[in-house]
């Protein structure tokens, strides 16, 4: 018996999608914090709370792209007064 073939109610499908999105966001948060740590960018308690509170995988992905070249966590999060667009690399 294949558990993926068992029919699910609409509510169960929504719950499954919610869990998948939460898992994705958790992975994105972990990747962002790992990248910031690797780059030696200190994360304040306030910035950590903002990262931990973000549930939007697209926003987290945007922050990860910014973190590759940002000079500070404030620049990554766009809290330094001048939001920064992620730069596209040549050849993309």
PDB file of N, CA and C in Angstrom:
ATOM      1  N   UNK A   1       0.837  -1.174   0.000  1.00  0.00           N
ATOM      2  CA  UNK A   1       0.000   0.000   0.000  1.00  0.00           C
ATOM      3  C   UNK A   1       0.888   1.246   0.000  1.00  0.00           C
ATOM      4  N   UNK A   2       0.619   2.151  -0.889  1.00  0.00           N
ATOM      5  CA  UNK A   2       1.373   3.389  -1.012  1.00  0.00           C
ATOM      6  C   UNK A   2       0.636   4.502  -0.255  1.00  0.00           C
ATOM      7  N   UNK A   3       1.221   5.051   0.819  1.00  0.00           N
ATOM      8  CA  UNK A   3       0.532   6.088   1.586  1.00  0.00           C
ATOM      9  C   UNK A   3       0.273   7.358   0.785  1.00  0.00           C
ATOM     10  N   UNK A   4       1.045   7.597  -0.274  1.00  0.00           N
ATOM     11  CA  UNK A   4       0.811   8.776  -1.103  1.00  0.00           C
ATOM     12  C   UNK A   4      -0.448   8.656  -1.944  1.00  0.00           C
ATOM     13  N   UNK A   5      -0.988   7.463  -2.059  1.00  0.00           N
ATOM     14  CA  UNK A   5      -2.185   7.231  -2.865  1.00  0.00           C
ATOM     15  C   UNK A   5      -3.468   7.286  -2.027  1.00  0.00           C
ATOM     16  N   UNK A   6      -3.344   7.446  -0.716  1.00  0.00           N
ATOM     17  CA  UNK A   6      -4.517   7.516   0.148  1.00  0.00           C
ATOM     18  C   UNK A   6      -5.174   8.886  -0.038  1.00  0.00           C
ATOM     19  N   UNK A   7      -6.481   8.930  -0.331  1.00  0.00           N
ATOM     20  CA  UNK A   7      -7.154  10.219  -0.517  1.00  0.00           C
ATOM     21  C   UNK A   7      -7.134  11.037   0.781  1.00  0.00           C
ATOM     22  N   UNK A   8      -6.996  12.365   0.622  1.00  0.00           N
ATOM     23  CA  UNK A   8      -6.974  13.265   1.774  1.00  0.00           C
ATOM     24  C   UNK A   8      -8.080  14.294   1.633  1.00  0.00           C
ATOM     25  N   UNK A   9      -8.616  14.705   2.752  1.00  0.00           N
ATOM     26  CA  UNK A   9      -9.651  15.740   2.747  1.00  0.00           C
ATOM     27  C   UNK A   9      -9.016  17.079   2.364  1.00  0.00           C
ATOM     28  N   UNK A  10      -9.814  18.051   1.907  1.00  0.00           N
ATOM     29  CA  UNK A  10      -9.267  19.369   1.594  1.00  0.00           C
ATOM     30  C   UNK A  10      -8.547  20.005   2.791  1.00  0.00           C
ATOM     31  N   UNK A  11      -9.091  19.803   3.989  1.00  0.00           N
ATOM     32  CA  UNK A  11      -8.445  20.359   5.183  1.00  0.00           C
ATOM     33  C   UNK A  11      -7.084  19.699   5.408  1.00  0.00           C
ATOM     34  N   UNK A  12      -7.009  18.403   5.221  1.00  0.00           N
ATOM     35  CA  UNK A  12      -5.739  17.696   5.400  1.00  0.00           C
ATOM     36  C   UNK A  12      -4.726  18.142   4.351  1.00  0.00           C
ATOM     37  N   UNK A  13      -5.175  18.378   3.130  1.00  0.00           N
ATOM     38  CA  UNK A  13      -4.276  18.863   2.078  1.00  0.00           C
ATOM     39  C   UNK A  13      -3.737  20.256   2.403  1.00  0.00           C
ATOM     40  N   UNK A  14      -4.610  21.132   2.928  1.00  0.00           N
ATOM     41  CA  UNK A  14      -4.162  22.480   3.323  1.00  0.00           C
ATOM     42  C   UNK A  14      -3.147  22.390   4.462  1.00  0.00           C
ATOM     43  N   UNK A  15      -3.409  21.507   5.422  1.00  0.00           N
ATOM     44  CA  UNK A  15      -2.498  21.333   6.551  1.00  0.00           C
ATOM     45  C   UNK A  15      -1.138  20.815   6.069  1.00  0.00           C
ATOM     46  N   UNK A  16      -1.168  19.866   5.141  1.00  0.00           N
ATOM     47  CA  UNK A  16       0.069  19.307   4.592  1.00  0.00           C
ATOM     48  C   UNK A  16       0.868  20.406   3.869  1.00  0.00           C
ATOM     49  N   UNK A  17       0.171  21.255   3.100  1.00  0.00           N
ATOM     50  CA  UNK A  17       0.840  22.353   2.391  1.00  0.00           C
ATOM     51  C   UNK A  17       1.421  23.352   3.386  1.00  0.00           C
ATOM     52  N   UNK A  18       0.684  23.603   4.471  1.00  0.00           N
ATOM     53  CA  UNK A  18       1.162  24.529   5.504  1.00  0.00           C
ATOM     54  C   UNK A  18       2.442  23.990   6.146  1.00  0.00           C
ATOM     55  N   UNK A  19       2.445  22.712   6.468  1.00  0.00           N
ATOM     56  CA  UNK A  19       3.637  22.102   7.069  1.00  0.00           C
ATOM     57  C   UNK A  19       4.828  22.159   6.125  1.00  0.00           C
ATOM     58  N   UNK A  20       4.580  21.949   4.843  1.00  0.00           N
ATOM     59  CA  UNK A  20       5.662  22.004   3.853  1.00  0.00           C
ATOM     60  C   UNK A  20       6.241  23.419   3.776  1.00  0.00           C
ATOM     61  N   UNK A  21       5.352  24.440   3.772  1.00  0.00           N
ATOM     62  CA  UNK A  21       5.808  25.831   3.716  1.00  0.00           C
ATOM     63  C   UNK A  21       6.590  26.192   4.978  1.00  0.00           C
ATOM     64  N   UNK A  22       6.125  25.721   6.135  1.00  0.00           N
ATOM     65  CA  UNK A  22       6.837  25.981   7.391  1.00  0.00           C
ATOM     66  C   UNK A  22       8.228  25.344   7.365  1.00  0.00           C
ATOM     67  N   UNK A  23       8.304  24.135   6.848  1.00  0.00           N
ATOM     68  CA  UNK A  23       9.599  23.464   6.754  1.00  0.00           C
ATOM     69  C   UNK A  23      10.546  24.191   5.824  1.00  0.00           C
ATOM     70  N   UNK A  24      10.014  24.681   4.710  1.00  0.00           N
ATOM     71  CA  UNK A  24      10.827  25.436   3.762  1.00  0.00           C
ATOM     72  C   UNK A  24      11.346  26.718   4.412  1.00  0.00           C
ATOM     73  N   UNK A  25      10.456  27.436   5.097  1.00  0.00           N
ATOM     74  CA  UNK A  25      10.864  28.684   5.760  1.00  0.00           C
ATOM     75  C   UNK A  25      11.916  28.403   6.827  1.00  0.00           C
ATOM     76  N   UNK A  26      11.760  27.320   7.571  1.00  0.00           N
ATOM     77  CA  UNK A  26      12.742  26.969   8.604  1.00  0.00           C
ATOM     78  C   UNK A  26      14.119  26.719   7.983  1.00  0.00           C
ATOM     79  N   UNK A  27      14.144  26.012   6.870  1.00  0.00           N
ATOM     80  CA  UNK A  27      15.410  25.767   6.175  1.00  0.00           C
ATOM     81  C   UNK A  27      16.038  27.046   5.658  1.00  0.00           C
ATOM     82  N   UNK A  28      15.206  27.954   5.143  1.00  0.00           N
ATOM     83  CA  UNK A  28      15.704  29.242   4.641  1.00  0.00           C
ATOM     84  C   UNK A  28      16.282  30.069   5.791  1.00  0.00           C
ATOM     85  N   UNK A  29      15.596  30.081   6.948  1.00  0.00           N
ATOM     86  CA  UNK A  29      16.109  30.832   8.108  1.00  0.00           C
ATOM     87  C   UNK A  29      17.463  30.272   8.546  1.00  0.00           C
ATOM     88  N   UNK A  30      17.566  28.947   8.597  1.00  0.00           N
ATOM     89  CA  UNK A  30      18.825  28.317   9.006  1.00  0.00           C
ATOM     90  C   UNK A  30      19.944  28.654   8.008  1.00  0.00           C
ATOM     91  N   UNK A  31      19.634  28.603   6.721  1.00  0.00           N
ATOM     92  CA  UNK A  31      20.634  28.922   5.695  1.00  0.00           C
ATOM     93  C   UNK A  31      21.090  30.376   5.820  1.00  0.00           C
ATOM     94  N   UNK A  32      20.149  31.274   6.045  1.00  0.00           N
ATOM     95  CA  UNK A  32      20.487  32.695   6.181  1.00  0.00           C
ATOM     96  C   UNK A  32      21.398  32.918   7.380  1.00  0.00           C
ATOM     97  N   UNK A  33      21.051  32.346   8.520  1.00  0.00           N
ATOM     98  CA  UNK A  33      21.871  32.528   9.715  1.00  0.00           C
ATOM     99  C   UNK A  33      23.259  31.897   9.550  1.00  0.00           C
ATOM    100  N   UNK A  34      23.313  30.770   8.869  1.00  0.00           N
ATOM    101  CA  UNK A  34      24.603  30.128   8.600  1.00  0.00           C
ATOM    102  C   UNK A  34      25.455  31.015   7.699  1.00  0.00           C
ATOM    103  N   UNK A  35      24.864  31.572   6.664  1.00  0.00           N
ATOM    104  CA  UNK A  35      25.592  32.450   5.745  1.00  0.00           C
ATOM    105  C   UNK A  35      26.084  33.698   6.467  1.00  0.00           C
ATOM    106  N   UNK A  36      25.227  34.307   7.274  1.00  0.00           N
ATOM    107  CA  UNK A  36      25.640  35.505   8.010  1.00  0.00           C
ATOM    108  C   UNK A  36      26.799  35.185   8.954  1.00  0.00           C
ATOM    109  N   UNK A  37      26.708  34.047   9.643  1.00  0.00           N
ATOM    110  CA  UNK A  37      27.783  33.643  10.545  1.00  0.00           C
ATOM    111  C   UNK A  37      29.076  33.366   9.809  1.00  0.00           C
ATOM    112  N   UNK A  38      28.979  32.705   8.671  1.00  0.00           N
ATOM    113  CA  UNK A  38      30.159  32.393   7.872  1.00  0.00           C
ATOM    114  C   UNK A  38      30.839  33.664   7.375  1.00  0.00           C
ATOM    115  N   UNK A  39      30.029  34.660   7.038  1.00  0.00           N
ATOM    116  CA  UNK A  39      30.587  35.929   6.557  1.00  0.00           C
ATOM    117  C   UNK A  39      31.063  36.818   7.693  1.00  0.00           C
ATOM    118  N   UNK A  40      30.825  36.414   8.948  1.00  0.00           N
ATOM    119  CA  UNK A  40      31.272  37.204  10.088  1.00  0.00           C
ATOM    120  C   UNK A  40      30.420  38.422  10.354  1.00  0.00           C
ATOM    121  N   UNK A  41      29.165  38.406   9.917  1.00  0.00           N
ATOM    122  CA  UNK A  41      28.259  39.530  10.162  1.00  0.00           C
ATOM    123  C   UNK A  41      27.485  39.263  11.450  1.00  0.00           C
ATOM    124  N   UNK A  42      27.727  40.059  12.489  1.00  0.00           N
ATOM    125  CA  UNK A  42      27.044  39.830  13.765  1.00  0.00           C
ATOM    126  C   UNK A  42      25.549  40.145  13.665  1.00  0.00           C
ATOM    127  N   UNK A  43      24.742  39.284  14.266  1.00  0.00           N
ATOM    128  CA  UNK A  43      23.287  39.423  14.241  1.00  0.00           C
ATOM    129  C   UNK A  43      22.831  39.854  15.632  1.00  0.00           C
ATOM    130  N   UNK A  44      22.199  41.036  15.714  1.00  0.00           N
ATOM    131  CA  UNK A  44      21.699  41.518  17.001  1.00  0.00           C
ATOM    132  C   UNK A  44      20.460  40.713  17.396  1.00  0.00           C
ATOM    133  N   UNK A  45      20.061  40.853  18.649  1.00  0.00           N
ATOM    134  CA  UNK A  45      18.863  40.158  19.137  1.00  0.00           C
ATOM    135  C   UNK A  45      17.633  40.597  18.343  1.00  0.00           C
ATOM    136  N   UNK A  46      17.551  41.873  18.020  1.00  0.00           N
ATOM    137  CA  UNK A  46      16.414  42.397  17.249  1.00  0.00           C
ATOM    138  C   UNK A  46      16.409  41.817  15.833  1.00  0.00           C
ATOM    139  N   UNK A  47      17.577  41.760  15.210  1.00  0.00           N
ATOM    140  CA  UNK A  47      17.673  41.194  13.856  1.00  0.00           C
ATOM    141  C   UNK A  47      17.361  39.701  13.880  1.00  0.00           C
ATOM    142  N   UNK A  48      17.840  39.009  14.899  1.00  0.00           N
ATOM    143  CA  UNK A  48      17.561  37.574  15.036  1.00  0.00           C
ATOM    144  C   UNK A  48      16.057  37.341  15.172  1.00  0.00           C
ATOM    145  N   UNK A  49      15.389  38.197  15.946  1.00  0.00           N
ATOM    146  CA  UNK A  49      13.943  38.080  16.120  1.00  0.00           C
ATOM    147  C   UNK A  49      13.212  38.302  14.798  1.00  0.00           C
ATOM    148  N   UNK A  50      13.701  39.248  13.993  1.00  0.00           N
ATOM    149  CA  UNK A  50      13.085  39.503  12.689  1.00  0.00           C
ATOM    150  C   UNK A  50      13.252  38.296  11.770  1.00  0.00           C
ATOM    151  N   UNK A  51      14.420  37.700  11.783  1.00  0.00           N
ATOM    152  CA  UNK A  51      14.679  36.518  10.950  1.00  0.00           C
ATOM    153  C   UNK A  51      13.840  35.343  11.437  1.00  0.00           C
ATOM    154  N   UNK A  52      13.866  35.096  12.752  1.00  0.00           N
ATOM    155  CA  UNK A  52      13.099  33.982  13.313  1.00  0.00           C
ATOM    156  C   UNK A  52      11.595  34.150  13.107  1.00  0.00           C
ATOM    157  N   UNK A  53      11.131  35.392  13.044  1.00  0.00           N
ATOM    158  CA  UNK A  53       9.703  35.659  12.887  1.00  0.00           C
ATOM    159  C   UNK A  53       9.221  35.630  11.445  1.00  0.00           C
ATOM    160  N   UNK A  54      10.131  35.599  10.496  1.00  0.00           N
ATOM    161  CA  UNK A  54       9.739  35.613   9.086  1.00  0.00           C
ATOM    162  C   UNK A  54       9.282  34.224   8.654  1.00  0.00           C
ATOM    163  N   UNK A  55       8.072  34.144   8.137  1.00  0.00           N
ATOM    164  CA  UNK A  55       7.503  32.874   7.673  1.00  0.00           C
ATOM    165  C   UNK A  55       7.404  32.807   6.149  1.00  0.00           C
ATOM    166  N   UNK A  56       7.863  33.853   5.473  1.00  0.00           N
ATOM    167  CA  UNK A  56       7.735  33.963   4.016  1.00  0.00           C
ATOM    168  C   UNK A  56       9.005  33.450   3.330  1.00  0.00           C
ATOM    169  N   UNK A  57       8.948  32.255   2.717  1.00  0.00           N
ATOM    170  CA  UNK A  57      10.143  31.710   2.063  1.00  0.00           C
ATOM    171  C   UNK A  57      10.712  32.629   0.980  1.00  0.00           C
ATOM    172  N   UNK A  58       9.859  33.350   0.276  1.00  0.00           N
ATOM    173  CA  UNK A  58      10.345  34.246  -0.784  1.00  0.00           C
ATOM    174  C   UNK A  58      11.151  35.396  -0.186  1.00  0.00           C
ATOM    175  N   UNK A  59      10.696  35.965   0.920  1.00  0.00           N
ATOM    176  CA  UNK A  59      11.414  37.051   1.579  1.00  0.00           C
ATOM    177  C   UNK A  59      12.745  36.534   2.127  1.00  0.00           C
ATOM    178  N   UNK A  60      12.709  35.359   2.733  1.00  0.00           N
ATOM    179  CA  UNK A  60      13.938  34.764   3.259  1.00  0.00           C
ATOM    180  C   UNK A  60      14.943  34.489   2.148  1.00  0.00           C
ATOM    181  N   UNK A  61      14.455  34.025   1.009  1.00  0.00           N
ATOM    182  CA  UNK A  61      15.332  33.778  -0.139  1.00  0.00           C
ATOM    183  C   UNK A  61      15.962  35.082  -0.609  1.00  0.00           C
ATOM    184  N   UNK A  62      15.170  36.157  -0.626  1.00  0.00           N
ATOM    185  CA  UNK A  62      15.692  37.476  -1.011  1.00  0.00           C
ATOM    186  C   UNK A  62      16.792  37.912  -0.038  1.00  0.00           C
ATOM    187  N   UNK A  63      16.577  37.685   1.239  1.00  0.00           N
ATOM    188  CA  UNK A  63      17.582  38.042   2.239  1.00  0.00           C
ATOM    189  C   UNK A  63      18.856  37.225   2.052  1.00  0.00           C
ATOM    190  N   UNK A  64      18.718  35.948   1.699  1.00  0.00           N
ATOM    191  CA  UNK A  64      19.896  35.104   1.472  1.00  0.00           C
ATOM    192  C   UNK A  64      20.723  35.659   0.312  1.00  0.00           C
ATOM    193  N   UNK A  65      20.061  36.059  -0.757  1.00  0.00           N
ATOM    194  CA  UNK A  65      20.769  36.625  -1.915  1.00  0.00           C
ATOM    195  C   UNK A  65      21.499  37.899  -1.500  1.00  0.00           C
ATOM    196  N   UNK A  66      20.830  38.752  -0.726  1.00  0.00           N
ATOM    197  CA  UNK A  66      21.475  39.990  -0.260  1.00  0.00           C
ATOM    198  C   UNK A  66      22.660  39.696   0.651  1.00  0.00           C
ATOM    199  N   UNK A  67      22.532  38.655   1.480  1.00  0.00           N
ATOM    200  CA  UNK A  67      23.570  38.342   2.470  1.00  0.00           C
ATOM    201  C   UNK A  67      24.893  37.954   1.833  1.00  0.00           C
ATOM    202  N   UNK A  68      24.867  37.547   0.588  1.00  0.00           N
ATOM    203  CA  UNK A  68      26.100  37.142  -0.092  1.00  0.00           C
ATOM    204  C   UNK A  68      27.071  38.313  -0.201  1.00  0.00           C
ATOM    205  N   UNK A  69      26.554  39.534  -0.382  1.00  0.00           N
ATOM    206  CA  UNK A  69      27.456  40.667  -0.590  1.00  0.00           C
ATOM    207  C   UNK A  69      27.215  41.836   0.361  1.00  0.00           C
ATOM    208  N   UNK A  70      26.286  41.716   1.288  1.00  0.00           N
ATOM    209  CA  UNK A  70      25.953  42.823   2.184  1.00  0.00           C
ATOM    210  C   UNK A  70      27.080  43.107   3.171  1.00  0.00           C
ATOM    211  N   UNK A  71      27.138  44.345   3.623  1.00  0.00           N
ATOM    212  CA  UNK A  71      28.130  44.740   4.603  1.00  0.00           C
ATOM    213  C   UNK A  71      27.629  44.641   6.033  1.00  0.00           C
ATOM    214  N   UNK A  72      26.303  44.437   6.188  1.00  0.00           N
ATOM    215  CA  UNK A  72      25.735  44.332   7.528  1.00  0.00           C
ATOM    216  C   UNK A  72      24.413  43.577   7.443  1.00  0.00           C
ATOM    217  N   UNK A  73      23.956  43.103   8.592  1.00  0.00           N
ATOM    218  CA  UNK A  73      22.666  42.417   8.642  1.00  0.00           C
ATOM    219  C   UNK A  73      21.543  43.416   8.379  1.00  0.00           C
ATOM    220  N   UNK A  74      21.701  44.655   8.835  1.00  0.00           N
ATOM    221  CA  UNK A  74      20.703  45.690   8.564  1.00  0.00           C
ATOM    222  C   UNK A  74      20.528  45.882   7.058  1.00  0.00           C
ATOM    223  N   UNK A  75      21.616  45.801   6.331  1.00  0.00           N
ATOM    224  CA  UNK A  75      21.547  45.920   4.871  1.00  0.00           C
ATOM    225  C   UNK A  75      20.812  44.719   4.275  1.00  0.00           C
ATOM    226  N   UNK A  76      21.026  43.545   4.819  1.00  0.00           N
ATOM    227  CA  UNK A  76      20.341  42.344   4.351  1.00  0.00           C
ATOM    228  C   UNK A  76      18.841  42.476   4.553  1.00  0.00           C
ATOM    229  N   UNK A  77      18.456  42.904   5.757  1.00  0.00           N
ATOM    230  CA  UNK A  77      17.037  42.979   6.097  1.00  0.00           C
ATOM    231  C   UNK A  77      16.356  44.236   5.567  1.00  0.00           C
ATOM    232  N   UNK A  78      17.151  45.178   5.069  1.00  0.00           N
ATOM    233  CA  UNK A  78      16.570  46.414   4.564  1.00  0.00           C
ATOM    234  C   UNK A  78      16.158  47.356   5.678  1.00  0.00           C
ATOM    235  N   UNK A  79      16.818  47.246   6.842  1.00  0.00           N
ATOM    236  CA  UNK A  79      16.459  48.085   7.984  1.00  0.00           C
ATOM    237  C   UNK A  79      17.437  49.229   8.208  1.00  0.00           C
ATOM    238  N   UNK A  80      18.329  49.443   7.250  1.00  0.00           N
ATOM    239  CA  UNK A  80      19.325  50.505   7.395  1.00  0.00           C
ATOM    240  C   UNK A  80      18.868  51.805   6.757  1.00  0.00           C
ATOM    241  N   UNK A  81      17.573  51.901   6.441  1.00  0.00           N
ATOM    242  CA  UNK A  81      17.040  53.130   5.867  1.00  0.00           C
ATOM    243  C   UNK A  81      17.058  53.168   4.358  1.00  0.00           C
ATOM    244  N   UNK A  82      17.806  52.291   3.740  1.00  0.00           N
ATOM    245  CA  UNK A  82      17.831  52.257   2.276  1.00  0.00           C
ATOM    246  C   UNK A  82      17.767  50.807   1.809  1.00  0.00           C
ATOM    247  N   UNK A  83      16.554  50.330   1.529  1.00  0.00           N
ATOM    248  CA  UNK A  83      16.417  48.953   1.061  1.00  0.00           C
ATOM    249  C   UNK A  83      17.253  48.719  -0.181  1.00  0.00           C
ATOM    250  N   UNK A  84      17.818  47.557  -0.261  1.00  0.00           N
ATOM    251  CA  UNK A  84      18.744  47.222  -1.336  1.00  0.00           C
ATOM    252  C   UNK A  84      18.173  46.099  -2.174  1.00  0.00           C
ATOM    253  N   UNK A  85      18.129  46.294  -3.448  1.00  0.00           N
ATOM    254  CA  UNK A  85      17.673  45.240  -4.342  1.00  0.00           C
ATOM    255  C   UNK A  85      18.791  44.230  -4.542  1.00  0.00           C
ATOM    256  N   UNK A  86      18.416  42.992  -4.681  1.00  0.00           N
ATOM    257  CA  UNK A  86      19.404  41.956  -4.938  1.00  0.00           C
ATOM    258  C   UNK A  86      19.969  42.151  -6.340  1.00  0.00           C
ATOM    259  N   UNK A  87      21.276  42.072  -6.465  1.00  0.00           N
ATOM    260  CA  UNK A  87      21.930  42.246  -7.766  1.00  0.00           C
ATOM    261  C   UNK A  87      21.872  40.951  -8.542  1.00  0.00           C
ATOM    262  N   UNK A  88      21.582  41.044  -9.825  1.00  0.00           N
ATOM    263  CA  UNK A  88      21.622  39.877 -10.704  1.00  0.00           C
ATOM    264  C   UNK A  88      23.054  39.675 -11.166  1.00  0.00           C
ATOM    265  N   UNK A  89      23.490  38.441 -11.140  1.00  0.00           N
ATOM    266  CA  UNK A  89      24.834  38.129 -11.593  1.00  0.00           C
ATOM    267  C   UNK A  89      24.857  37.979 -13.103  1.00  0.00           C
ATOM    268  N   UNK A  90      25.978  38.284 -13.701  1.00  0.00           N
ATOM    269  CA  UNK A  90      26.130  38.146 -15.152  1.00  0.00           C
ATOM    270  C   UNK A  90      25.978  36.683 -15.541  1.00  0.00           C
ATOM    271  N   UNK A  91      25.373  36.460 -16.674  1.00  0.00           N
ATOM    272  CA  UNK A  91      25.217  35.102 -17.179  1.00  0.00           C
ATOM    273  C   UNK A  91      23.992  34.393 -16.666  1.00  0.00           C
ATOM    274  N   UNK A  92      23.115  35.086 -15.991  1.00  0.00           N
ATOM    275  CA  UNK A  92      21.884  34.466 -15.474  1.00  0.00           C
ATOM    276  C   UNK A  92      20.725  34.740 -16.361  1.00  0.00           C
TER     277      UNK A  92
END
